[in-house]
Amino acid sequence: MDSLPLPYAVAGQEAANGHAPSALGMRISLWRGDITKLKLDAIANAANKHLRGGGGVDGAIHRAAGSNQLHSACMALNGCPTGSAKITQGFALPAKFIIHCVGPYGENPRQLQGTYERALQLCTENNLTSIAFPCISTGVFHYPQEAAAKVAISTVLSYLSQHTDTHEDDHRNIAYSAQS
């Protein structure tokens, strides 16, 4: 995986507290590439509320994971509300799990933040130490890319700083895709 530590990837920009803490910055990377090729504990899927697999990254993940198996697993979940996330196995993917994230249509920071928070909670609940996120809601859901990236990064930084005691020994790693 090609990656760049966060403090260098967002040169000239600062985290909410004025700087990107080195411990967090070394665990968060901006990345560009095919999310279906990553061998991590989990990859996040920019899903629709029906979890049926659509176009873009959602369709690519469904195809790479094995459409029939993933479709059956998603149907058993009975959908997912906007602003939340649900987890399935990774099936044929190199990633062990897929966290299906349903972001908002259009610009709604609170719902997008909730989506990222729920995905991170699922990582904690399932003892997952690495995840890659695509740009959630920026494709056919029309969330402006720059605004979505700010919500994603601030939410991840906030979550990790609030849960440092939980993650002290497991070296949580998060990659964020720079493309939608």
Protein backbone atom coordinates (compact mmCIF):
# COMPACT_ATOMS: atom_id res chain seq x y z
CA MET A 1 0.00 0.00 0.00
CA ASP A 2 1.35 3.40 -0.92
CA SER A 3 0.83 5.72 2.01
CA LEU A 4 1.93 9.00 3.47
CA PRO A 5 1.79 9.79 7.20
CA LEU A 6 -0.92 12.36 7.93
CA PRO A 7 1.30 15.21 9.16
CA TYR A 8 2.98 15.28 5.75
CA ALA A 9 -0.13 14.54 3.69
CA VAL A 10 -1.92 17.62 4.97
CA ALA A 11 1.05 19.97 5.08
CA GLY A 12 -0.04 23.48 5.99
CA GLN A 13 -3.24 22.27 7.65
CA GLU A 14 -3.59 21.62 11.34
CA ALA A 15 -5.71 19.33 13.46
CA ALA A 16 -8.32 20.83 15.77
CA ASN A 17 -5.79 21.25 18.59
CA GLY A 18 -3.28 23.05 16.36
CA HIS A 19 -1.16 20.11 15.25
CA ALA A 20 -1.41 16.47 14.24
CA PRO A 21 -0.20 14.48 17.26
CA SER A 22 2.70 12.30 16.18
CA ALA A 23 1.26 9.13 17.71
CA LEU A 24 -1.98 9.62 15.79
CA GLY A 25 -0.29 10.90 12.67
CA MET A 26 1.80 7.78 12.38
CA ARG A 27 -1.36 5.67 12.50
CA ILE A 28 -3.34 7.62 9.90
CA SER A 29 -2.41 7.71 6.23
CA LEU A 30 -3.84 9.29 3.13
CA TRP A 31 -3.78 6.84 0.29
CA ARG A 32 -4.94 6.49 -3.32
CA GLY A 33 -5.60 3.16 -5.00
CA ASP A 34 -7.88 0.13 -5.27
CA ILE A 35 -9.40 -0.49 -1.84
CA THR A 36 -10.34 -4.06 -2.83
CA LYS A 37 -6.64 -5.02 -2.97
CA LEU A 38 -5.77 -4.02 0.60
CA LYS A 39 -4.89 -6.74 3.10
CA LEU A 40 -6.17 -5.17 6.31
CA ASP A 41 -8.48 -6.16 9.11
CA ALA A 42 -11.26 -4.21 7.40
CA ILE A 43 -12.15 -1.98 4.53
CA ALA A 44 -15.06 0.43 4.66
CA ASN A 45 -17.64 0.38 1.90
CA ALA A 46 -19.48 3.52 0.80
CA ALA A 47 -22.82 1.70 0.77
CA ASN A 48 -26.46 2.55 0.16
CA LYS A 49 -29.07 1.98 2.87
CA HIS A 50 -30.20 -1.29 1.26
CA LEU A 51 -26.62 -2.69 1.24
CA ARG A 52 -27.31 -4.12 -2.21
CA GLY A 53 -24.15 -3.06 -4.01
CA GLY A 54 -24.42 -0.26 -6.49
CA GLY A 55 -21.89 1.54 -8.61
CA GLY A 56 -18.50 3.00 -7.80
CA VAL A 57 -16.60 1.63 -4.82
CA ASP A 58 -19.71 -0.19 -3.56
CA GLY A 59 -20.03 -2.19 -6.77
CA ALA A 60 -16.28 -2.83 -6.93
CA ILE A 61 -16.26 -4.20 -3.37
CA HIS A 62 -19.26 -6.45 -4.04
CA ARG A 63 -17.67 -7.84 -7.22
CA ALA A 64 -14.26 -8.41 -5.61
CA ALA A 65 -15.69 -9.99 -2.44
CA GLY A 66 -17.88 -12.43 -4.37
CA SER A 67 -21.24 -10.95 -5.23
CA ASN A 68 -23.40 -13.91 -4.17
CA GLN A 69 -21.83 -14.43 -0.74
CA LEU A 70 -21.68 -10.74 0.09
CA HIS A 71 -25.20 -10.14 -1.22
CA SER A 72 -26.55 -12.90 1.06
CA ALA A 73 -24.69 -11.52 4.07
CA CYS A 74 -25.92 -8.00 3.39
CA MET A 75 -29.53 -9.12 2.95
CA ALA A 76 -29.35 -10.81 6.36
CA LEU A 77 -28.51 -7.41 7.89
CA ASN A 78 -31.84 -5.91 6.71
CA GLY A 79 -30.29 -2.67 5.49
CA CYS A 80 -28.55 0.08 7.41
CA PRO A 81 -29.81 3.53 8.37
CA THR A 82 -28.13 6.67 7.05
CA GLY A 83 -25.38 7.81 9.40
CA SER A 84 -24.54 4.32 10.57
CA ALA A 85 -22.54 1.22 9.59
CA LYS A 86 -22.75 -2.58 9.71
CA ILE A 87 -20.13 -5.31 9.34
CA THR A 88 -19.80 -8.47 7.24
CA GLN A 89 -17.01 -10.89 6.44
CA GLY A 90 -14.63 -9.92 3.65
CA PHE A 91 -15.23 -13.18 1.76
CA ALA A 92 -12.89 -13.23 -1.30
CA LEU A 93 -11.23 -9.91 -0.40
CA PRO A 94 -7.77 -9.73 1.18
CA ALA A 95 -9.45 -7.74 4.01
CA LYS A 96 -11.02 -9.88 6.73
CA PHE A 97 -14.12 -7.69 7.10
CA ILE A 98 -16.16 -5.10 5.26
CA ILE A 99 -17.73 -2.27 7.22
CA HIS A 100 -20.66 -0.99 5.19
CA CYS A 101 -20.99 2.76 5.82
CA VAL A 102 -24.14 4.59 4.80
CA GLY A 103 -23.39 8.27 4.55
CA PRO A 104 -25.84 11.07 3.85
CA TYR A 105 -27.11 12.32 0.52
CA GLY A 106 -25.73 15.82 0.16
CA GLU A 107 -23.85 17.75 2.79
CA ASN A 108 -24.82 16.72 6.32
CA PRO A 109 -21.75 16.80 8.60
CA ARG A 110 -23.53 15.28 11.60
CA GLN A 111 -24.69 12.20 9.68
CA LEU A 112 -21.32 11.77 7.98
CA GLN A 113 -19.55 12.05 11.33
CA GLY A 114 -21.92 9.42 12.75
CA THR A 115 -21.08 7.09 9.88
CA TYR A 116 -17.33 7.28 10.56
CA GLU A 117 -17.84 7.01 14.33
CA ARG A 118 -19.99 3.88 13.97
CA ALA A 119 -17.41 2.30 11.65
CA LEU A 120 -14.67 2.98 14.21
CA GLN A 121 -16.87 1.61 17.01
CA LEU A 122 -17.31 -1.59 14.98
CA CYS A 123 -13.52 -1.81 14.69
CA THR A 124 -13.20 -1.49 18.46
CA GLU A 125 -16.01 -3.98 19.17
CA ASN A 126 -14.47 -6.55 16.81
CA ASN A 127 -10.83 -5.96 17.87
CA LEU A 128 -9.85 -4.77 14.39
CA THR A 129 -6.61 -2.80 14.25
CA SER A 130 -6.57 -1.57 10.65
CA ILE A 131 -9.18 -0.12 8.31
CA ALA A 132 -9.21 1.76 5.02
CA PHE A 133 -11.98 4.23 4.23
CA PRO A 134 -13.03 5.42 0.79
CA CYS A 135 -14.45 8.93 0.46
CA ILE A 136 -17.91 8.23 1.88
CA SER A 137 -20.86 10.08 0.29
CA THR A 138 -18.77 11.97 -2.28
CA GLY A 139 -19.79 9.99 -5.36
CA VAL A 140 -23.44 9.65 -6.31
CA PHE A 141 -24.43 10.97 -2.85
CA HIS A 142 -22.97 14.38 -3.89
CA TYR A 143 -21.21 15.39 -0.67
CA PRO A 144 -18.49 17.95 -1.59
CA GLN A 145 -15.13 16.12 -1.49
CA GLU A 146 -13.14 18.68 0.50
CA ALA A 147 -15.88 19.07 3.11
CA ALA A 148 -16.25 15.28 3.40
CA ALA A 149 -12.49 14.85 3.85
CA LYS A 150 -12.46 17.41 6.67
CA VAL A 151 -15.30 15.59 8.46
CA ALA A 152 -13.58 12.23 7.99
CA ILE A 153 -10.19 13.31 9.26
CA SER A 154 -11.51 15.32 12.20
CA THR A 155 -13.81 12.46 13.23
CA VAL A 156 -11.03 9.88 13.09
CA LEU A 157 -8.60 12.12 15.01
CA SER A 158 -11.25 12.83 17.63
CA TYR A 159 -12.18 9.16 17.99
CA LEU A 160 -8.59 8.04 18.35
CA SER A 161 -7.71 10.77 20.84
CA GLN A 162 -10.78 9.88 22.95
CA HIS A 163 -10.00 6.17 22.83
CA THR A 164 -6.23 6.16 23.29
CA ASP A 165 -6.50 4.02 26.41
CA THR A 166 -8.43 1.38 24.44
CA HIS A 167 -5.95 1.36 21.57
CA GLU A 168 -2.70 1.85 23.45
CA ASP A 169 -1.25 -1.54 22.59
CA ASP A 170 -2.95 -2.46 19.33
CA HIS A 171 -1.45 0.18 17.02
CA ARG A 172 -4.66 1.07 15.21
CA ASN A 173 -4.00 2.02 11.58
CA ILE A 174 -6.38 3.97 9.38
CA ALA A 175 -6.01 4.77 5.70
CA TYR A 176 -8.24 7.29 3.98
CA SER A 177 -8.59 7.19 0.21
CA ALA A 178 -7.94 10.43 -1.61
CA GLN A 179 -10.36 9.57 -4.41
CA SER A 180 -14.09 8.97 -4.54
